[in-house]
Amino acid sequence: FWLKLLDTSSSCRLLRVMAKSKNHTGHNQIYKNHRNGIKKTRRPRKMSMSGMNCRFVRNQAFAKRGMKCTEEEKQERLAAQKEAQKRIEEKKKVEREERLKELKK
């Protein structure tokens, strides 16, 4: 219990006051929320870039632009990749053979 001072004319009185019991109620809230309907949030079409590393975002844009090409260029790129892969495989094979020769000695 709390004590409360009351000033009435010249005499001061002390009154006992009950503590407040109710601090919150959700009485009308569900009704109010459903008046306009509870809707699902809209999914963004594109991921937000805000808060991302700006250097990464810039580089990503340039990379996307660099990937754009026609079908002919795409075929040329694939052919070049396959040739490069063949060269690497041959190089690895030679290195493996050399290593085996060294180990046998």
N, C-alpha and C. Protein backbone atom coordinates (compact mmCIF):
# COMPACT_ATOMS: atom_id res chain seq x y z
N PHE A 1 0.83 -1.20 0.00
CA PHE A 1 0.00 0.00 0.00
C PHE A 1 0.86 1.25 0.00
N TRP A 2 0.40 2.24 -0.71
CA TRP A 2 1.12 3.50 -0.78
C TRP A 2 0.40 4.55 0.06
N LEU A 3 1.18 5.46 0.53
CA LEU A 3 0.60 6.56 1.30
C LEU A 3 0.53 7.79 0.43
N LYS A 4 -0.57 8.50 0.52
CA LYS A 4 -0.76 9.69 -0.29
C LYS A 4 -1.07 10.87 0.62
N LEU A 5 -0.46 12.00 0.31
CA LEU A 5 -0.69 13.20 1.11
C LEU A 5 -1.86 13.98 0.55
N LEU A 6 -2.75 14.42 1.38
CA LEU A 6 -3.85 15.28 0.97
C LEU A 6 -3.76 16.58 1.74
N ASP A 7 -3.71 17.69 1.00
CA ASP A 7 -3.69 19.00 1.66
C ASP A 7 -5.12 19.52 1.73
N THR A 8 -5.68 19.56 2.90
CA THR A 8 -7.00 20.19 3.08
C THR A 8 -6.84 21.26 4.15
N SER A 9 -6.96 22.48 3.69
CA SER A 9 -6.78 23.67 4.53
C SER A 9 -5.45 23.62 5.30
N SER A 10 -5.46 23.64 6.58
CA SER A 10 -4.22 23.71 7.33
C SER A 10 -3.68 22.35 7.74
N SER A 11 -4.56 21.36 7.83
CA SER A 11 -4.10 20.04 8.31
C SER A 11 -3.72 19.13 7.14
N CYS A 12 -2.69 18.34 7.28
CA CYS A 12 -2.26 17.37 6.27
C CYS A 12 -2.71 16.00 6.72
N ARG A 13 -3.38 15.27 5.81
CA ARG A 13 -3.83 13.93 6.15
C ARG A 13 -3.09 12.91 5.28
N LEU A 14 -2.85 11.74 5.82
CA LEU A 14 -2.25 10.64 5.08
C LEU A 14 -3.35 9.64 4.74
N LEU A 15 -3.45 9.31 3.45
CA LEU A 15 -4.44 8.32 3.02
C LEU A 15 -3.73 7.12 2.44
N ARG A 16 -4.30 5.96 2.68
CA ARG A 16 -3.77 4.75 2.07
C ARG A 16 -4.46 4.57 0.72
N VAL A 17 -3.62 4.37 -0.32
CA VAL A 17 -4.15 4.22 -1.68
C VAL A 17 -3.73 2.86 -2.21
N MET A 18 -4.67 2.16 -2.84
CA MET A 18 -4.37 0.85 -3.42
C MET A 18 -3.46 1.03 -4.63
N ALA A 19 -2.61 0.05 -4.86
CA ALA A 19 -1.75 0.06 -6.04
C ALA A 19 -2.61 -0.21 -7.27
N LYS A 20 -2.23 0.39 -8.39
CA LYS A 20 -2.96 0.20 -9.64
C LYS A 20 -2.75 -1.25 -10.09
N SER A 21 -3.85 -1.95 -10.42
CA SER A 21 -3.72 -3.37 -10.72
C SER A 21 -3.63 -3.65 -12.22
N LYS A 22 -4.38 -2.92 -13.06
CA LYS A 22 -4.42 -3.24 -14.49
C LYS A 22 -3.56 -2.25 -15.26
N ASN A 23 -2.53 -2.77 -15.96
CA ASN A 23 -1.65 -1.90 -16.73
C ASN A 23 -1.93 -1.94 -18.22
N HIS A 24 -2.54 -3.02 -18.71
CA HIS A 24 -2.73 -3.16 -20.16
C HIS A 24 -3.90 -4.09 -20.44
N THR A 25 -4.59 -3.82 -21.55
CA THR A 25 -5.63 -4.73 -21.99
C THR A 25 -5.65 -4.77 -23.51
N GLY A 26 -5.94 -5.93 -24.07
CA GLY A 26 -6.04 -6.07 -25.52
C GLY A 26 -7.48 -6.21 -25.93
N HIS A 27 -8.38 -5.52 -25.20
CA HIS A 27 -9.83 -5.72 -25.34
C HIS A 27 -10.34 -5.63 -26.77
N ASN A 28 -10.14 -4.51 -27.43
CA ASN A 28 -10.77 -4.28 -28.75
C ASN A 28 -9.81 -4.53 -29.91
N GLN A 29 -8.59 -4.96 -29.61
CA GLN A 29 -7.55 -4.97 -30.64
C GLN A 29 -7.81 -5.98 -31.75
N ILE A 30 -8.26 -7.18 -31.42
CA ILE A 30 -8.49 -8.20 -32.45
C ILE A 30 -9.60 -7.75 -33.38
N TYR A 31 -10.65 -7.16 -32.84
CA TYR A 31 -11.74 -6.64 -33.67
C TYR A 31 -11.21 -5.59 -34.63
N LYS A 32 -10.41 -4.66 -34.10
CA LYS A 32 -9.88 -3.59 -34.93
C LYS A 32 -8.96 -4.13 -36.02
N ASN A 33 -8.14 -5.14 -35.69
CA ASN A 33 -7.21 -5.70 -36.67
C ASN A 33 -7.94 -6.41 -37.79
N HIS A 34 -9.05 -7.07 -37.47
CA HIS A 34 -9.78 -7.83 -38.48
C HIS A 34 -10.75 -6.98 -39.30
N ARG A 35 -10.97 -5.73 -38.91
CA ARG A 35 -11.89 -4.87 -39.67
C ARG A 35 -11.45 -4.75 -41.12
N ASN A 36 -10.16 -4.52 -41.34
CA ASN A 36 -9.63 -4.41 -42.70
C ASN A 36 -9.02 -5.72 -43.17
N GLY A 37 -9.08 -6.72 -42.36
CA GLY A 37 -8.52 -8.02 -42.72
C GLY A 37 -7.03 -8.07 -42.43
N ILE A 38 -6.56 -9.23 -41.99
CA ILE A 38 -5.13 -9.41 -41.75
C ILE A 38 -4.55 -9.96 -43.04
N LYS A 39 -3.67 -9.19 -43.67
CA LYS A 39 -3.14 -9.55 -44.99
C LYS A 39 -1.73 -10.08 -44.87
N LYS A 40 -1.35 -10.96 -45.82
CA LYS A 40 0.03 -11.42 -45.89
C LYS A 40 0.88 -10.28 -46.42
N THR A 41 2.13 -10.23 -45.98
CA THR A 41 3.02 -9.19 -46.48
C THR A 41 3.41 -9.51 -47.91
N ARG A 42 3.61 -8.47 -48.70
CA ARG A 42 4.00 -8.66 -50.09
C ARG A 42 5.45 -9.09 -50.17
N ARG A 43 5.71 -10.10 -51.01
CA ARG A 43 7.08 -10.55 -51.21
C ARG A 43 7.78 -9.60 -52.17
N PRO A 44 8.99 -9.17 -51.85
CA PRO A 44 9.68 -8.27 -52.78
C PRO A 44 10.08 -9.00 -54.06
N ARG A 45 9.95 -8.32 -55.21
CA ARG A 45 10.34 -8.92 -56.48
C ARG A 45 11.85 -9.04 -56.56
N LYS A 46 12.52 -8.03 -56.04
CA LYS A 46 13.97 -8.01 -56.09
C LYS A 46 14.50 -7.81 -54.68
N MET A 47 15.59 -8.49 -54.35
CA MET A 47 16.16 -8.33 -53.02
C MET A 47 16.71 -6.92 -52.86
N SER A 48 16.51 -6.34 -51.71
CA SER A 48 16.97 -4.99 -51.45
C SER A 48 18.50 -4.97 -51.34
N MET A 49 19.11 -3.98 -51.97
CA MET A 49 20.57 -3.87 -51.92
C MET A 49 21.02 -2.91 -50.81
N SER A 50 20.05 -2.30 -50.13
CA SER A 50 20.43 -1.35 -49.08
C SER A 50 21.06 -2.11 -47.92
N GLY A 51 22.16 -1.58 -47.42
CA GLY A 51 22.87 -2.23 -46.33
C GLY A 51 23.91 -3.22 -46.79
N MET A 52 23.96 -3.48 -48.11
CA MET A 52 24.97 -4.39 -48.65
C MET A 52 26.26 -3.62 -48.90
N ASN A 53 27.34 -4.35 -49.02
CA ASN A 53 28.63 -3.75 -49.33
C ASN A 53 28.53 -3.10 -50.71
N CYS A 54 28.74 -1.78 -50.79
CA CYS A 54 28.51 -1.06 -52.04
C CYS A 54 29.48 -1.51 -53.13
N ARG A 55 30.68 -1.90 -52.75
CA ARG A 55 31.65 -2.35 -53.75
C ARG A 55 31.19 -3.67 -54.37
N PHE A 56 30.63 -4.54 -53.53
CA PHE A 56 30.10 -5.82 -54.02
C PHE A 56 28.93 -5.58 -54.97
N VAL A 57 28.02 -4.68 -54.60
CA VAL A 57 26.83 -4.40 -55.43
C VAL A 57 27.27 -3.86 -56.78
N ARG A 58 28.23 -2.95 -56.76
CA ARG A 58 28.73 -2.35 -58.02
C ARG A 58 29.36 -3.42 -58.90
N ASN A 59 30.19 -4.27 -58.32
CA ASN A 59 30.86 -5.32 -59.07
C ASN A 59 29.84 -6.32 -59.62
N GLN A 60 28.81 -6.61 -58.84
CA GLN A 60 27.77 -7.54 -59.28
C GLN A 60 27.05 -7.00 -60.52
N ALA A 61 26.78 -5.70 -60.53
CA ALA A 61 26.11 -5.09 -61.68
C ALA A 61 26.98 -5.21 -62.93
N PHE A 62 28.28 -4.94 -62.79
CA PHE A 62 29.18 -5.05 -63.94
C PHE A 62 29.28 -6.49 -64.42
N ALA A 63 29.29 -7.44 -63.48
CA ALA A 63 29.38 -8.85 -63.82
C ALA A 63 28.13 -9.30 -64.59
N LYS A 64 26.96 -8.82 -64.16
CA LYS A 64 25.73 -9.17 -64.85
C LYS A 64 25.74 -8.62 -66.27
N ARG A 65 26.23 -7.40 -66.43
CA ARG A 65 26.31 -6.80 -67.77
C ARG A 65 27.28 -7.57 -68.65
N GLY A 66 28.37 -8.06 -68.03
CA GLY A 66 29.38 -8.79 -68.79
C GLY A 66 28.89 -10.17 -69.23
N MET A 67 27.93 -10.72 -68.51
CA MET A 67 27.41 -12.04 -68.85
C MET A 67 26.44 -12.00 -70.02
N LYS A 68 25.90 -10.82 -70.33
CA LYS A 68 24.95 -10.72 -71.44
C LYS A 68 25.68 -10.96 -72.75
N CYS A 69 25.16 -11.87 -73.56
CA CYS A 69 25.78 -12.13 -74.86
C CYS A 69 24.79 -12.87 -75.76
N THR A 70 25.13 -12.95 -77.04
CA THR A 70 24.28 -13.65 -78.00
C THR A 70 24.59 -15.14 -77.95
N GLU A 71 23.80 -15.94 -78.66
CA GLU A 71 24.00 -17.39 -78.68
C GLU A 71 25.34 -17.76 -79.31
N GLU A 72 25.74 -17.01 -80.37
CA GLU A 72 27.03 -17.30 -81.03
C GLU A 72 28.19 -17.10 -80.06
N GLU A 73 28.16 -15.98 -79.35
CA GLU A 73 29.22 -15.70 -78.38
C GLU A 73 29.24 -16.77 -77.29
N LYS A 74 28.04 -17.22 -76.88
CA LYS A 74 27.94 -18.24 -75.84
C LYS A 74 28.62 -19.54 -76.31
N GLN A 75 28.37 -19.92 -77.57
CA GLN A 75 28.99 -21.13 -78.12
C GLN A 75 30.51 -20.99 -78.18
N GLU A 76 30.97 -19.80 -78.59
CA GLU A 76 32.42 -19.54 -78.65
C GLU A 76 33.04 -19.67 -77.26
N ARG A 77 32.36 -19.10 -76.26
CA ARG A 77 32.86 -19.17 -74.89
C ARG A 77 32.94 -20.62 -74.40
N LEU A 78 31.89 -21.39 -74.68
CA LEU A 78 31.90 -22.80 -74.27
C LEU A 78 33.05 -23.57 -74.92
N ALA A 79 33.26 -23.30 -76.24
CA ALA A 79 34.35 -23.97 -76.96
C ALA A 79 35.70 -23.60 -76.34
N ALA A 80 35.89 -22.31 -76.03
CA ALA A 80 37.14 -21.85 -75.42
C ALA A 80 37.35 -22.51 -74.05
N GLN A 81 36.27 -22.63 -73.27
CA GLN A 81 36.37 -23.26 -71.96
C GLN A 81 36.78 -24.72 -72.08
N LYS A 82 36.18 -25.42 -73.04
CA LYS A 82 36.51 -26.84 -73.22
C LYS A 82 37.97 -27.02 -73.64
N GLU A 83 38.45 -26.16 -74.54
CA GLU A 83 39.86 -26.22 -74.96
C GLU A 83 40.78 -25.97 -73.77
N ALA A 84 40.46 -24.96 -72.97
CA ALA A 84 41.28 -24.64 -71.81
C ALA A 84 41.28 -25.82 -70.83
N GLN A 85 40.13 -26.46 -70.65
CA GLN A 85 40.04 -27.61 -69.75
C GLN A 85 40.91 -28.76 -70.25
N LYS A 86 40.90 -28.99 -71.57
CA LYS A 86 41.73 -30.05 -72.15
C LYS A 86 43.21 -29.78 -71.89
N ARG A 87 43.62 -28.53 -72.10
CA ARG A 87 45.03 -28.17 -71.86
C ARG A 87 45.42 -28.41 -70.40
N ILE A 88 44.54 -28.02 -69.49
CA ILE A 88 44.83 -28.21 -68.06
C ILE A 88 44.95 -29.70 -67.73
N GLU A 89 44.03 -30.51 -68.27
CA GLU A 89 44.07 -31.96 -68.03
C GLU A 89 45.38 -32.56 -68.55
N GLU A 90 45.81 -32.13 -69.75
CA GLU A 90 47.07 -32.63 -70.32
C GLU A 90 48.25 -32.24 -69.42
N LYS A 91 48.22 -30.99 -68.95
CA LYS A 91 49.30 -30.51 -68.09
C LYS A 91 49.36 -31.32 -66.79
N LYS A 92 48.18 -31.59 -66.20
CA LYS A 92 48.13 -32.39 -64.98
C LYS A 92 48.67 -33.80 -65.21
N LYS A 93 48.30 -34.37 -66.37
CA LYS A 93 48.73 -35.72 -66.70
C LYS A 93 50.26 -35.80 -66.80
N VAL A 94 50.86 -34.80 -67.45
CA VAL A 94 52.31 -34.75 -67.58
C VAL A 94 52.96 -34.62 -66.20
N GLU A 95 52.43 -33.74 -65.37
CA GLU A 95 52.98 -33.55 -64.02
C GLU A 95 52.88 -34.83 -63.19
N ARG A 96 51.77 -35.56 -63.31
CA ARG A 96 51.59 -36.82 -62.60
C ARG A 96 52.63 -37.85 -63.02
N GLU A 97 52.85 -37.94 -64.34
CA GLU A 97 53.84 -38.89 -64.86
C GLU A 97 55.24 -38.55 -64.36
N GLU A 98 55.60 -37.26 -64.36
CA GLU A 98 56.91 -36.82 -63.86
C GLU A 98 57.06 -37.17 -62.38
N ARG A 99 56.00 -36.94 -61.60
CA ARG A 99 56.05 -37.26 -60.17
C ARG A 99 56.26 -38.75 -59.95
N LEU A 100 55.55 -39.56 -60.72
CA LEU A 100 55.71 -41.02 -60.60
C LEU A 100 57.12 -41.47 -60.96
N LYS A 101 57.69 -40.84 -61.99
CA LYS A 101 59.08 -41.17 -62.38
C LYS A 101 60.05 -40.86 -61.25
N GLU A 102 59.83 -39.68 -60.61
CA GLU A 102 60.70 -39.27 -59.51
C GLU A 102 60.56 -40.22 -58.32
N LEU A 103 59.36 -40.67 -58.05
CA LEU A 103 59.14 -41.57 -56.92
C LEU A 103 59.74 -42.95 -57.15
N LYS A 104 59.77 -43.42 -58.39
CA LYS A 104 60.32 -44.73 -58.73
C LYS A 104 61.85 -44.77 -58.63
N LYS A 105 62.49 -43.62 -58.78
CA LYS A 105 63.96 -43.56 -58.74
C LYS A 105 64.51 -43.86 -57.38
